[in-house]
């Protein structure tokens, strides 16, 4: 199930959402410009490696471009491939504008970063000795999804549903789309081998829960939870 659009208009221009999408895209183009070896070096240097962040290990001097604590932020703007980037930015574009609308630009920046930080530690703490770098905006974006679920669970989301050789589009309530996504993360996290690379499902879960917890602290007072969609 791939979300394509929601029917929930905003009252302000989502400048931060647009800026994050633009910055992540520019960073990925920079990664590509480095060539295959440079791409790998950027991931190792600027991605979060739990063993260096929490386990006391150190990178070789030529890879230690920033302190390990800074990689918590730099990792949010790196991606491993075009599909990784496009998938993350699609979710942010669909759901981020409404969450930004509910809390304003400045609060949204802080909210987004806090969700990303929480996501990093949700993935890293259970695997503190892991040397596999973590990159991507999905942890922070998961927080956006958690917030959207509390704000507009009844908003209609146009989704693309693969059916073998065919696909179908349909509108589903956000609570179904995002609830299905979250359950999928729980299942995949339970089945994943923490010793292997791949999708950081723990970060997705941690970010999603952080978004739900933080939303009441960041939204405008007049914004209701579980509100009906705007038309």
N, C-alpha and C. Protein backbone atom coordinates (compact mmCIF):
# COMPACT_ATOMS: atom_id res chain seq x y z
N UNK A 1 0.84 -1.18 0.00
CA UNK A 1 0.00 0.00 0.00
C UNK A 1 0.89 1.25 0.00
N UNK A 2 0.82 2.03 -1.09
CA UNK A 2 1.67 3.20 -1.25
C UNK A 2 0.81 4.45 -1.24
N UNK A 3 0.98 5.35 -0.27
CA UNK A 3 0.18 6.58 -0.26
C UNK A 3 0.61 7.51 -1.38
N UNK A 4 -0.38 8.16 -1.98
CA UNK A 4 -0.11 9.08 -3.09
C UNK A 4 -0.51 10.51 -2.78
N UNK A 5 -1.55 10.67 -1.95
CA UNK A 5 -2.10 12.01 -1.73
C UNK A 5 -3.12 11.94 -0.60
N UNK A 6 -3.31 13.05 0.11
CA UNK A 6 -4.42 13.11 1.06
C UNK A 6 -5.32 14.28 0.69
N UNK A 7 -6.52 14.25 1.24
CA UNK A 7 -7.50 15.30 0.90
C UNK A 7 -7.63 16.31 2.04
N UNK A 8 -6.51 16.63 2.68
CA UNK A 8 -6.51 17.45 3.87
C UNK A 8 -5.72 18.73 3.61
N UNK A 9 -6.35 19.80 3.15
CA UNK A 9 -5.62 21.03 2.82
C UNK A 9 -5.06 21.72 4.06
N UNK A 10 -4.08 22.60 3.83
CA UNK A 10 -3.44 23.32 4.92
C UNK A 10 -3.78 24.80 4.83
N UNK A 11 -3.50 25.53 5.92
CA UNK A 11 -3.77 26.97 5.94
C UNK A 11 -2.49 27.79 5.78
N UNK A 12 -1.33 27.15 5.91
CA UNK A 12 -0.06 27.86 5.74
C UNK A 12 0.80 27.11 4.72
N UNK A 13 1.76 27.82 4.15
CA UNK A 13 2.70 27.20 3.24
C UNK A 13 3.69 26.36 4.05
N UNK A 14 3.87 25.09 3.70
CA UNK A 14 4.75 24.22 4.50
C UNK A 14 6.23 24.42 4.16
N UNK A 15 6.76 25.57 4.54
CA UNK A 15 8.13 25.91 4.16
C UNK A 15 9.15 24.92 4.70
N UNK A 16 8.95 24.45 5.93
CA UNK A 16 9.94 23.53 6.52
C UNK A 16 9.89 22.18 5.83
N UNK A 17 8.70 21.69 5.57
CA UNK A 17 8.56 20.42 4.85
C UNK A 17 9.25 20.50 3.50
N UNK A 18 9.02 21.59 2.78
CA UNK A 18 9.65 21.76 1.47
C UNK A 18 11.16 21.87 1.61
N UNK A 19 11.62 22.60 2.64
CA UNK A 19 13.06 22.78 2.84
C UNK A 19 13.75 21.46 3.16
N UNK A 20 13.12 20.62 3.99
CA UNK A 20 13.71 19.32 4.33
C UNK A 20 13.80 18.45 3.08
N UNK A 21 12.76 18.44 2.27
CA UNK A 21 12.78 17.66 1.04
C UNK A 21 13.88 18.15 0.11
N UNK A 22 14.00 19.47 -0.03
CA UNK A 22 15.03 20.03 -0.91
C UNK A 22 16.42 19.72 -0.38
N UNK A 23 16.63 19.87 0.93
CA UNK A 23 17.94 19.62 1.51
C UNK A 23 18.33 18.15 1.40
N UNK A 24 17.40 17.25 1.69
CA UNK A 24 17.70 15.82 1.58
C UNK A 24 18.04 15.44 0.14
N UNK A 25 17.34 16.05 -0.81
CA UNK A 25 17.61 15.76 -2.22
C UNK A 25 18.98 16.28 -2.63
N UNK A 26 19.31 17.49 -2.20
CA UNK A 26 20.63 18.06 -2.52
C UNK A 26 21.75 17.24 -1.89
N UNK A 27 21.55 16.80 -0.66
CA UNK A 27 22.56 15.98 0.01
C UNK A 27 22.75 14.66 -0.74
N UNK A 28 21.65 14.07 -1.19
CA UNK A 28 21.78 12.80 -1.92
C UNK A 28 22.50 13.01 -3.25
N UNK A 29 22.21 14.11 -3.94
CA UNK A 29 22.93 14.40 -5.18
C UNK A 29 24.42 14.59 -4.90
N UNK A 30 24.73 15.21 -3.77
CA UNK A 30 26.14 15.34 -3.36
C UNK A 30 26.75 13.97 -3.12
N UNK A 31 26.02 13.08 -2.45
CA UNK A 31 26.52 11.72 -2.23
C UNK A 31 26.85 11.04 -3.56
N UNK A 32 25.95 11.17 -4.52
CA UNK A 32 26.16 10.54 -5.82
C UNK A 32 27.39 11.11 -6.53
N UNK A 33 27.62 12.41 -6.33
CA UNK A 33 28.74 13.06 -7.02
C UNK A 33 30.09 12.56 -6.52
N UNK A 34 30.11 11.89 -5.37
CA UNK A 34 31.36 11.43 -4.78
C UNK A 34 31.87 10.14 -5.41
N UNK A 35 31.02 9.48 -6.20
CA UNK A 35 31.41 8.18 -6.73
C UNK A 35 31.14 7.09 -5.72
N UNK A 36 31.31 5.84 -6.14
CA UNK A 36 30.94 4.71 -5.28
C UNK A 36 31.72 4.70 -3.97
N UNK A 37 33.04 4.90 -4.05
CA UNK A 37 33.86 4.87 -2.83
C UNK A 37 33.55 6.07 -1.94
N UNK A 38 33.40 7.26 -2.54
CA UNK A 38 33.07 8.45 -1.75
C UNK A 38 31.71 8.35 -1.11
N UNK A 39 30.77 7.72 -1.82
CA UNK A 39 29.42 7.50 -1.28
C UNK A 39 29.52 6.67 0.00
N UNK A 40 30.30 5.59 -0.06
CA UNK A 40 30.48 4.72 1.10
C UNK A 40 31.15 5.45 2.26
N UNK A 41 32.15 6.26 1.94
CA UNK A 41 32.84 7.03 2.98
C UNK A 41 31.88 8.01 3.65
N UNK A 42 31.02 8.67 2.87
CA UNK A 42 30.06 9.62 3.44
C UNK A 42 29.11 8.93 4.40
N UNK A 43 28.66 7.72 4.03
CA UNK A 43 27.75 6.97 4.90
C UNK A 43 28.44 6.58 6.20
N UNK A 44 29.68 6.11 6.10
CA UNK A 44 30.43 5.71 7.30
C UNK A 44 30.77 6.91 8.18
N UNK A 45 31.05 8.04 7.57
CA UNK A 45 31.49 9.22 8.31
C UNK A 45 30.33 9.99 8.92
N UNK A 46 29.21 10.06 8.22
CA UNK A 46 28.11 10.92 8.63
C UNK A 46 26.87 10.16 9.08
N UNK A 47 26.86 8.84 8.89
CA UNK A 47 25.78 8.03 9.42
C UNK A 47 26.01 7.71 10.89
N UNK A 48 24.96 7.28 11.57
CA UNK A 48 25.07 6.90 12.98
C UNK A 48 25.56 5.46 13.08
N UNK A 49 26.68 5.27 13.73
CA UNK A 49 27.19 3.93 14.02
C UNK A 49 27.06 3.72 15.52
N UNK A 50 26.15 2.84 15.95
CA UNK A 50 25.91 2.67 17.39
C UNK A 50 27.18 2.42 18.20
N UNK A 51 28.13 1.67 17.66
CA UNK A 51 29.34 1.34 18.40
C UNK A 51 30.20 2.56 18.68
N UNK A 52 30.14 3.56 17.81
CA UNK A 52 30.90 4.80 18.06
C UNK A 52 30.09 5.80 18.87
N UNK A 53 28.77 5.78 18.71
CA UNK A 53 27.93 6.70 19.46
C UNK A 53 27.77 6.28 20.91
N UNK A 54 27.63 4.96 21.13
CA UNK A 54 27.32 4.47 22.47
C UNK A 54 28.35 3.49 23.02
N UNK A 55 29.07 2.82 22.13
CA UNK A 55 29.93 1.74 22.58
C UNK A 55 31.38 2.11 22.82
N UNK A 56 31.74 3.37 22.64
CA UNK A 56 33.09 3.81 22.93
C UNK A 56 34.11 3.51 21.85
N UNK A 57 33.68 2.95 20.73
CA UNK A 57 34.61 2.70 19.64
C UNK A 57 34.86 3.98 18.85
N UNK A 58 35.93 3.98 18.06
CA UNK A 58 36.28 5.17 17.28
C UNK A 58 36.47 4.80 15.82
N UNK A 59 36.14 5.73 14.96
CA UNK A 59 36.40 5.56 13.53
C UNK A 59 37.86 5.88 13.24
N UNK A 60 38.40 5.36 12.16
CA UNK A 60 39.74 5.80 11.72
C UNK A 60 39.73 7.31 11.50
N UNK A 61 40.85 7.98 11.73
CA UNK A 61 40.89 9.45 11.60
C UNK A 61 40.35 9.98 10.28
N UNK A 62 40.61 9.25 9.18
CA UNK A 62 40.16 9.74 7.88
C UNK A 62 38.65 9.67 7.71
N UNK A 63 37.96 8.93 8.60
CA UNK A 63 36.50 8.82 8.52
C UNK A 63 35.80 9.67 9.59
N UNK A 64 36.53 10.09 10.59
CA UNK A 64 35.94 10.84 11.70
C UNK A 64 35.78 12.31 11.32
N UNK A 65 34.87 12.58 10.41
CA UNK A 65 34.67 13.96 9.92
C UNK A 65 33.94 14.82 10.94
N UNK A 66 33.05 14.23 11.71
CA UNK A 66 32.30 14.96 12.73
C UNK A 66 32.27 14.10 13.99
N UNK A 67 32.03 14.71 15.17
CA UNK A 67 31.90 13.91 16.39
C UNK A 67 30.72 12.94 16.28
N UNK A 68 30.79 11.80 16.95
CA UNK A 68 29.69 10.82 16.88
C UNK A 68 28.33 11.41 17.22
N UNK A 69 28.27 12.35 18.19
CA UNK A 69 26.98 12.93 18.55
C UNK A 69 26.38 13.74 17.41
N UNK A 70 27.22 14.32 16.56
CA UNK A 70 26.70 15.10 15.44
C UNK A 70 26.08 14.22 14.36
N UNK A 71 26.50 12.96 14.31
CA UNK A 71 25.94 12.07 13.29
C UNK A 71 24.46 11.79 13.53
N UNK A 72 24.00 12.02 14.76
CA UNK A 72 22.57 11.89 15.03
C UNK A 72 21.78 12.82 14.12
N UNK A 73 22.35 13.99 13.80
CA UNK A 73 21.69 14.96 12.93
C UNK A 73 22.06 14.75 11.46
N UNK A 74 23.35 14.54 11.17
CA UNK A 74 23.76 14.41 9.77
C UNK A 74 23.14 13.18 9.12
N UNK A 75 22.93 12.13 9.90
CA UNK A 75 22.38 10.89 9.34
C UNK A 75 20.96 11.08 8.80
N UNK A 76 20.24 12.06 9.35
CA UNK A 76 18.85 12.28 8.94
C UNK A 76 18.73 12.77 7.50
N UNK A 77 19.83 13.25 6.92
CA UNK A 77 19.76 13.83 5.58
C UNK A 77 20.50 12.99 4.55
N UNK A 78 20.98 11.81 4.95
CA UNK A 78 21.64 10.89 4.03
C UNK A 78 20.67 9.79 3.63
N UNK A 79 20.84 9.27 2.41
CA UNK A 79 20.01 8.16 1.95
C UNK A 79 20.87 7.17 1.16
N UNK A 80 20.40 5.94 1.13
CA UNK A 80 21.19 4.88 0.52
C UNK A 80 20.92 4.64 -0.94
N UNK A 81 19.88 5.24 -1.49
CA UNK A 81 19.55 5.06 -2.89
C UNK A 81 18.34 5.90 -3.26
N UNK A 82 18.03 5.91 -4.56
CA UNK A 82 16.92 6.72 -5.03
C UNK A 82 15.59 6.30 -4.41
N UNK A 83 15.34 4.99 -4.32
CA UNK A 83 14.06 4.53 -3.77
C UNK A 83 13.95 4.88 -2.29
N UNK A 84 15.07 4.80 -1.58
CA UNK A 84 15.10 5.19 -0.16
C UNK A 84 14.71 6.66 -0.03
N UNK A 85 15.31 7.50 -0.84
CA UNK A 85 15.03 8.94 -0.81
C UNK A 85 13.59 9.23 -1.22
N UNK A 86 13.17 8.69 -2.35
CA UNK A 86 11.83 9.00 -2.89
C UNK A 86 10.75 8.52 -1.93
N UNK A 87 10.91 7.32 -1.38
CA UNK A 87 9.91 6.81 -0.44
C UNK A 87 9.77 7.70 0.78
N UNK A 88 10.89 8.09 1.36
CA UNK A 88 10.84 8.96 2.54
C UNK A 88 10.23 10.31 2.22
N UNK A 89 10.66 10.91 1.12
CA UNK A 89 10.18 12.25 0.79
C UNK A 89 8.70 12.23 0.39
N UNK A 90 8.24 11.14 -0.20
CA UNK A 90 6.82 11.03 -0.53
C UNK A 90 5.97 11.06 0.74
N UNK A 91 6.36 10.27 1.74
CA UNK A 91 5.63 10.26 3.00
C UNK A 91 5.68 11.63 3.67
N UNK A 92 6.84 12.28 3.64
CA UNK A 92 6.96 13.60 4.26
C UNK A 92 6.09 14.62 3.54
N UNK A 93 6.07 14.57 2.22
CA UNK A 93 5.29 15.52 1.44
C UNK A 93 3.79 15.36 1.71
N UNK A 94 3.32 14.13 1.81
CA UNK A 94 1.89 13.88 2.00
C UNK A 94 1.44 14.27 3.40
N UNK A 95 2.22 13.88 4.42
CA UNK A 95 1.76 14.04 5.80
C UNK A 95 2.43 15.20 6.55
N UNK A 96 3.59 15.63 6.10
CA UNK A 96 4.32 16.66 6.83
C UNK A 96 3.65 18.02 6.81
N UNK A 97 3.02 18.37 5.69
CA UNK A 97 2.44 19.72 5.59
C UNK A 97 1.34 19.94 6.62
N UNK A 98 0.52 18.92 6.87
CA UNK A 98 -0.56 19.08 7.85
C UNK A 98 -0.03 19.15 9.28
N UNK A 99 1.01 18.39 9.58
CA UNK A 99 1.60 18.44 10.92
C UNK A 99 2.27 19.79 11.13
N UNK A 100 2.98 20.28 10.11
CA UNK A 100 3.58 21.61 10.21
C UNK A 100 2.50 22.67 10.39
N UNK A 101 1.37 22.50 9.71
CA UNK A 101 0.25 23.43 9.82
C UNK A 101 -0.30 23.46 11.24
N UNK A 102 -0.25 22.31 11.93
CA UNK A 102 -0.84 22.20 13.26
C UNK A 102 0.05 22.78 14.36
N UNK A 103 1.33 23.04 14.05
CA UNK A 103 2.23 23.53 15.11
C UNK A 103 3.07 24.73 14.69
N UNK A 104 3.06 25.09 13.43
CA UNK A 104 3.85 26.23 12.97
C UNK A 104 5.27 25.80 12.59
N UNK A 105 5.96 26.70 11.89
CA UNK A 105 7.24 26.35 11.30
C UNK A 105 8.32 26.05 12.35
N UNK A 106 8.48 26.93 13.32
CA UNK A 106 9.58 26.77 14.28
C UNK A 106 9.37 25.54 15.14
N UNK A 107 8.17 25.36 15.65
CA UNK A 107 7.89 24.18 16.48
C UNK A 107 8.06 22.91 15.66
N UNK A 108 7.70 22.96 14.40
CA UNK A 108 7.82 21.77 13.56
C UNK A 108 9.28 21.36 13.39
N UNK A 109 10.18 22.33 13.24
CA UNK A 109 11.61 22.01 13.14
C UNK A 109 12.08 21.26 14.37
N UNK A 110 11.73 21.79 15.56
CA UNK A 110 12.16 21.16 16.81
C UNK A 110 11.52 19.78 16.95
N UNK A 111 10.24 19.70 16.65
CA UNK A 111 9.51 18.42 16.72
C UNK A 111 10.16 17.38 15.81
N UNK A 112 10.44 17.77 14.58
CA UNK A 112 11.02 16.86 13.59
C UNK A 112 12.37 16.33 14.07
N UNK A 113 13.22 17.21 14.57
CA UNK A 113 14.54 16.80 15.04
C UNK A 113 14.46 15.91 16.27
N UNK A 114 13.55 16.23 17.19
CA UNK A 114 13.40 15.40 18.39
C UNK A 114 12.91 14.00 18.04
N UNK A 115 12.01 13.92 17.09
CA UNK A 115 11.55 12.59 16.64
C UNK A 115 12.70 11.82 16.02
N UNK A 116 13.52 12.51 15.22
CA UNK A 116 14.66 11.85 14.60
C UNK A 116 15.67 11.37 15.63
N UNK A 117 15.92 12.19 16.65
CA UNK A 117 16.87 11.80 17.71
C UNK A 117 16.34 10.58 18.46
N UNK A 118 15.07 10.62 18.82
CA UNK A 118 14.47 9.49 19.53
C UNK A 118 14.55 8.22 18.69
N UNK A 119 14.30 8.35 17.40
CA UNK A 119 14.37 7.20 16.51
C UNK A 119 15.76 6.59 16.48
N UNK A 120 16.78 7.44 16.44
CA UNK A 120 18.16 6.95 16.43
C UNK A 120 18.44 6.10 17.67
N UNK A 121 18.06 6.61 18.84
CA UNK A 121 18.36 5.89 20.07
C UNK A 121 17.48 4.65 20.24
N UNK A 122 16.27 4.69 19.68
CA UNK A 122 15.42 3.50 19.72
C UNK A 122 16.05 2.36 18.95
N UNK A 123 16.74 2.68 17.88
CA UNK A 123 17.43 1.66 17.09
C UNK A 123 18.79 1.31 17.68
N UNK A 124 19.51 2.32 18.18
CA UNK A 124 20.90 2.11 18.60
C UNK A 124 21.03 1.46 19.98
N UNK A 125 20.18 1.83 20.91
CA UNK A 125 20.34 1.33 22.29
C UNK A 125 20.29 -0.19 22.39
N UNK A 126 19.37 -0.87 21.70
CA UNK A 126 19.36 -2.34 21.79
C UNK A 126 20.53 -2.99 21.04
N UNK A 127 21.23 -2.21 20.22
CA UNK A 127 22.32 -2.75 19.40
C UNK A 127 23.55 -1.87 19.54
N UNK A 128 23.95 -1.60 20.78
CA UNK A 128 24.99 -0.61 21.05
C UNK A 128 26.35 -1.00 20.51
N UNK A 129 26.56 -2.27 20.21
CA UNK A 129 27.85 -2.71 19.68
C UNK A 129 27.85 -2.86 18.17
N UNK A 130 26.76 -2.45 17.53
CA UNK A 130 26.65 -2.60 16.08
C UNK A 130 27.57 -1.61 15.35
N UNK A 131 28.22 -2.08 14.30
CA UNK A 131 29.06 -1.22 13.48
C UNK A 131 28.39 -0.89 12.15
N UNK A 132 27.11 -1.20 12.03
CA UNK A 132 26.37 -0.92 10.80
C UNK A 132 25.84 0.52 10.85
N UNK A 133 26.20 1.36 9.88
CA UNK A 133 25.74 2.76 9.91
C UNK A 133 24.24 2.87 9.64
N UNK A 134 23.62 3.80 10.33
CA UNK A 134 22.20 4.10 10.14
C UNK A 134 22.06 5.44 9.44
N UNK A 135 21.31 5.47 8.36
CA UNK A 135 21.08 6.71 7.64
C UNK A 135 19.61 6.81 7.23
N UNK A 136 19.18 8.01 6.93
CA UNK A 136 17.84 8.21 6.40
C UNK A 136 16.96 9.06 7.28
N UNK A 137 15.96 9.66 6.65
CA UNK A 137 15.03 10.55 7.34
C UNK A 137 13.83 9.80 7.90
N UNK A 138 13.78 8.48 7.72
CA UNK A 138 12.56 7.74 8.03
C UNK A 138 12.21 7.78 9.51
N UNK A 139 13.20 7.84 10.41
CA UNK A 139 12.89 7.92 11.83
C UNK A 139 12.14 9.19 12.18
N UNK A 140 12.65 10.32 11.70
CA UNK A 140 11.98 11.60 11.93
C UNK A 140 10.62 11.65 11.25
N UNK A 141 10.55 11.12 10.03
CA UNK A 141 9.28 11.11 9.30
C UNK A 141 8.27 10.20 9.98
N UNK A 142 8.73 9.14 10.61
CA UNK A 142 7.83 8.27 11.37
C UNK A 142 7.15 9.07 12.47
N UNK A 143 7.89 10.00 13.08
CA UNK A 143 7.28 10.88 14.08
C UNK A 143 6.17 11.73 13.49
N UNK A 144 6.38 12.19 12.27
CA UNK A 144 5.35 12.96 11.57
C UNK A 144 4.11 12.09 11.35
N UNK A 145 4.32 10.83 11.00
CA UNK A 145 3.18 9.93 10.78
C UNK A 145 2.41 9.70 12.07
N UNK A 146 3.13 9.52 13.18
CA UNK A 146 2.45 9.34 14.46
C UNK A 146 1.62 10.55 14.84
N UNK A 147 2.16 11.73 14.59
CA UNK A 147 1.43 12.96 14.88
C UNK A 147 0.19 13.09 13.99
N UNK A 148 0.34 12.79 12.72
CA UNK A 148 -0.78 12.89 11.78
C UNK A 148 -1.91 11.95 12.20
N UNK A 149 -1.54 10.75 12.66
CA UNK A 149 -2.56 9.78 13.07
C UNK A 149 -3.42 10.34 14.21
N UNK A 150 -2.81 11.06 15.15
CA UNK A 150 -3.58 11.65 16.24
C UNK A 150 -4.36 12.88 15.80
N UNK A 151 -3.83 13.59 14.82
CA UNK A 151 -4.49 14.81 14.38
C UNK A 151 -5.67 14.54 13.46
N UNK A 152 -5.45 13.72 12.44
CA UNK A 152 -6.46 13.54 11.39
C UNK A 152 -6.65 12.07 11.04
N UNK A 153 -7.08 11.25 11.98
CA UNK A 153 -7.23 9.82 11.68
C UNK A 153 -8.30 9.53 10.63
N UNK A 154 -9.24 10.48 10.45
CA UNK A 154 -10.33 10.25 9.49
C UNK A 154 -10.08 10.90 8.14
N UNK A 155 -8.93 11.55 7.97
CA UNK A 155 -8.60 12.12 6.66
C UNK A 155 -8.49 11.00 5.63
N UNK A 156 -8.85 11.29 4.40
CA UNK A 156 -8.81 10.28 3.36
C UNK A 156 -7.47 10.35 2.61
N UNK A 157 -6.85 9.19 2.45
CA UNK A 157 -5.56 9.10 1.79
C UNK A 157 -5.71 8.22 0.54
N UNK A 158 -5.31 8.76 -0.58
CA UNK A 158 -5.32 7.98 -1.82
C UNK A 158 -4.10 7.07 -1.82
N UNK A 159 -4.33 5.76 -1.95
CA UNK A 159 -3.24 4.80 -1.92
C UNK A 159 -3.24 3.95 -3.19
N UNK A 160 -2.06 3.50 -3.53
CA UNK A 160 -1.88 2.56 -4.64
C UNK A 160 -1.70 1.17 -4.04
N UNK A 161 -2.55 0.26 -4.41
CA UNK A 161 -2.52 -1.09 -3.84
C UNK A 161 -2.10 -2.07 -4.92
N UNK A 162 -0.90 -2.66 -4.82
CA UNK A 162 -0.48 -3.68 -5.80
C UNK A 162 -1.31 -4.94 -5.63
N UNK A 163 -1.76 -5.49 -6.75
CA UNK A 163 -2.52 -6.75 -6.74
C UNK A 163 -1.96 -7.67 -7.81
N UNK A 164 -0.82 -8.27 -7.51
CA UNK A 164 -0.18 -9.13 -8.49
C UNK A 164 0.32 -8.32 -9.66
N UNK A 165 -0.19 -8.63 -10.85
CA UNK A 165 0.21 -7.91 -12.05
C UNK A 165 -0.57 -6.61 -12.23
N UNK A 166 -1.53 -6.36 -11.38
CA UNK A 166 -2.37 -5.18 -11.50
C UNK A 166 -2.22 -4.29 -10.26
N UNK A 167 -2.62 -3.06 -10.39
CA UNK A 167 -2.65 -2.14 -9.26
C UNK A 167 -4.01 -1.46 -9.23
N UNK A 168 -4.36 -1.01 -8.07
CA UNK A 168 -5.64 -0.31 -7.91
C UNK A 168 -5.44 0.86 -6.97
N UNK A 169 -6.09 1.97 -7.25
CA UNK A 169 -6.06 3.12 -6.34
C UNK A 169 -7.38 3.22 -5.61
N UNK A 170 -7.31 3.61 -4.35
CA UNK A 170 -8.52 3.79 -3.55
C UNK A 170 -8.23 4.76 -2.42
N UNK A 171 -9.28 5.36 -1.90
CA UNK A 171 -9.15 6.22 -0.73
C UNK A 171 -9.43 5.41 0.52
N UNK A 172 -8.54 5.55 1.50
CA UNK A 172 -8.71 4.89 2.79
C UNK A 172 -8.51 5.90 3.90
N UNK A 173 -9.13 5.70 5.06
CA UNK A 173 -8.89 6.61 6.19
C UNK A 173 -7.43 6.56 6.62
N UNK A 174 -6.91 7.69 7.07
CA UNK A 174 -5.51 7.74 7.51
C UNK A 174 -5.24 6.74 8.62
N UNK A 175 -6.23 6.49 9.49
CA UNK A 175 -6.02 5.54 10.58
C UNK A 175 -5.75 4.13 10.04
N UNK A 176 -6.33 3.80 8.91
CA UNK A 176 -6.09 2.49 8.29
C UNK A 176 -4.71 2.46 7.66
N UNK A 177 -4.38 3.50 6.89
CA UNK A 177 -3.10 3.55 6.18
C UNK A 177 -1.94 3.58 7.17
N UNK A 178 -2.00 4.47 8.15
CA UNK A 178 -0.90 4.62 9.10
C UNK A 178 -0.90 3.49 10.13
N UNK A 179 -2.07 3.02 10.51
CA UNK A 179 -2.13 1.88 11.42
C UNK A 179 -1.53 0.64 10.78
N UNK A 180 -1.84 0.40 9.51
CA UNK A 180 -1.26 -0.73 8.78
C UNK A 180 0.25 -0.58 8.70
N UNK A 181 0.71 0.63 8.41
CA UNK A 181 2.16 0.88 8.32
C UNK A 181 2.84 0.57 9.64
N UNK A 182 2.24 1.00 10.76
CA UNK A 182 2.87 0.79 12.07
C UNK A 182 2.90 -0.69 12.44
N UNK A 183 1.82 -1.39 12.20
CA UNK A 183 1.79 -2.83 12.49
C UNK A 183 2.83 -3.56 11.66
N UNK A 184 3.00 -3.12 10.43
CA UNK A 184 4.02 -3.73 9.56
C UNK A 184 5.42 -3.52 10.13
N UNK A 185 5.66 -2.35 10.69
CA UNK A 185 6.97 -2.09 11.31
C UNK A 185 7.19 -3.01 12.51
N UNK A 186 6.15 -3.22 13.32
CA UNK A 186 6.26 -4.10 14.48
C UNK A 186 6.57 -5.53 14.05
N UNK A 187 5.87 -6.00 13.03
CA UNK A 187 6.09 -7.37 12.55
C UNK A 187 7.50 -7.51 11.99
N UNK A 188 7.90 -6.57 11.15
CA UNK A 188 9.23 -6.65 10.54
C UNK A 188 10.33 -6.52 11.59
N UNK A 189 10.11 -5.70 12.61
CA UNK A 189 11.10 -5.55 13.67
C UNK A 189 11.27 -6.87 14.43
N UNK A 190 10.17 -7.56 14.68
CA UNK A 190 10.23 -8.84 15.39
C UNK A 190 10.95 -9.91 14.58
N UNK A 191 10.85 -9.81 13.25
CA UNK A 191 11.46 -10.82 12.38
C UNK A 191 12.87 -10.48 11.95
N UNK A 192 13.28 -9.22 12.11
CA UNK A 192 14.58 -8.76 11.59
C UNK A 192 15.73 -9.33 12.41
N UNK A 193 16.85 -9.55 11.75
CA UNK A 193 18.08 -9.98 12.40
C UNK A 193 18.89 -8.73 12.71
N UNK A 194 19.07 -8.37 13.99
CA UNK A 194 19.78 -7.13 14.32
C UNK A 194 21.24 -7.13 13.89
N UNK A 195 21.80 -8.30 13.60
CA UNK A 195 23.19 -8.36 13.19
C UNK A 195 23.41 -8.07 11.72
N UNK A 196 22.32 -7.94 10.98
CA UNK A 196 22.43 -7.67 9.55
C UNK A 196 21.94 -6.26 9.25
N UNK A 197 22.41 -5.73 8.15
CA UNK A 197 21.95 -4.41 7.73
C UNK A 197 20.55 -4.49 7.16
N UNK A 198 20.03 -3.36 6.75
CA UNK A 198 18.69 -3.33 6.19
C UNK A 198 17.91 -2.17 6.78
N UNK A 199 16.60 -2.31 6.78
CA UNK A 199 15.73 -1.25 7.27
C UNK A 199 15.79 -1.20 8.79
N UNK A 200 15.92 0.01 9.34
CA UNK A 200 15.98 0.20 10.79
C UNK A 200 14.56 0.29 11.35
N UNK A 201 13.93 -0.86 11.51
CA UNK A 201 12.53 -0.86 11.95
C UNK A 201 12.38 -0.31 13.36
N UNK A 202 13.39 -0.52 14.22
CA UNK A 202 13.34 0.04 15.57
C UNK A 202 13.26 1.55 15.55
N UNK A 203 13.97 2.17 14.60
CA UNK A 203 13.92 3.62 14.46
C UNK A 203 12.54 4.08 14.03
N UNK A 204 11.91 3.33 13.14
CA UNK A 204 10.56 3.67 12.69
C UNK A 204 9.58 3.64 13.87
N UNK A 205 9.67 2.59 14.66
CA UNK A 205 8.76 2.44 15.80
C UNK A 205 9.01 3.54 16.82
N UNK A 206 10.28 3.77 17.16
CA UNK A 206 10.62 4.80 18.13
C UNK A 206 10.20 6.18 17.68
N UNK A 207 10.43 6.50 16.40
CA UNK A 207 10.03 7.80 15.88
C UNK A 207 8.52 7.99 15.90
N UNK A 208 7.79 6.94 15.51
CA UNK A 208 6.32 7.00 15.48
C UNK A 208 5.75 7.27 16.86
N UNK A 209 6.23 6.52 17.86
CA UNK A 209 5.76 6.71 19.23
C UNK A 209 6.15 8.10 19.74
N UNK A 210 7.35 8.55 19.42
CA UNK A 210 7.78 9.89 19.83
C UNK A 210 6.87 10.96 19.26
N UNK A 211 6.48 10.80 18.00
CA UNK A 211 5.59 11.77 17.39
C UNK A 211 4.25 11.87 18.10
N UNK A 212 3.72 10.72 18.52
CA UNK A 212 2.44 10.71 19.23
C UNK A 212 2.58 11.34 20.61
N UNK A 213 3.69 11.07 21.28
CA UNK A 213 3.90 11.61 22.63
C UNK A 213 4.16 13.11 22.60
N UNK A 214 4.95 13.55 21.61
CA UNK A 214 5.36 14.96 21.55
C UNK A 214 4.30 15.87 20.97
N UNK A 215 3.41 15.34 20.15
CA UNK A 215 2.43 16.19 19.47
C UNK A 215 1.67 17.10 20.41
N UNK A 216 1.09 16.61 21.52
CA UNK A 216 0.33 17.52 22.39
C UNK A 216 1.15 18.68 22.95
N UNK A 217 2.47 18.49 23.03
CA UNK A 217 3.34 19.55 23.55
C UNK A 217 3.67 20.60 22.50
N UNK A 218 3.55 20.24 21.21
CA UNK A 218 3.97 21.14 20.14
C UNK A 218 2.83 21.73 19.33
N UNK A 219 1.68 21.10 19.30
CA UNK A 219 0.59 21.63 18.49
C UNK A 219 0.04 22.91 19.11
N UNK A 220 -0.58 23.75 18.26
CA UNK A 220 -1.27 24.93 18.76
C UNK A 220 -2.42 24.49 19.68
N UNK A 221 -2.71 25.33 20.67
CA UNK A 221 -3.76 24.95 21.63
C UNK A 221 -5.12 24.77 20.98
N UNK A 222 -5.38 25.55 19.94
CA UNK A 222 -6.71 25.47 19.32
C UNK A 222 -6.86 24.27 18.40
N UNK A 223 -5.77 23.59 18.11
CA UNK A 223 -5.83 22.43 17.22
C UNK A 223 -6.31 21.22 17.99
N UNK A 224 -7.38 20.61 17.52
CA UNK A 224 -7.97 19.46 18.19
C UNK A 224 -7.30 18.16 17.75
N UNK A 225 -7.24 17.21 18.64
CA UNK A 225 -6.85 15.86 18.27
C UNK A 225 -8.07 15.14 17.68
N UNK A 226 -7.81 14.18 16.82
CA UNK A 226 -8.86 13.37 16.19
C UNK A 226 -9.87 14.24 15.46
N UNK A 227 -9.39 15.31 14.85
CA UNK A 227 -10.29 16.24 14.16
C UNK A 227 -10.73 15.66 12.82
N UNK A 228 -11.90 16.06 12.36
CA UNK A 228 -12.32 15.64 11.02
C UNK A 228 -11.46 16.32 9.97
N UNK A 229 -11.31 15.72 8.80
CA UNK A 229 -10.48 16.32 7.76
C UNK A 229 -11.08 17.62 7.26
N UNK A 230 -10.22 18.53 6.81
CA UNK A 230 -10.68 19.77 6.19
C UNK A 230 -11.02 19.51 4.74
N UNK A 231 -11.93 20.31 4.20
CA UNK A 231 -12.29 20.18 2.78
C UNK A 231 -12.33 21.56 2.14
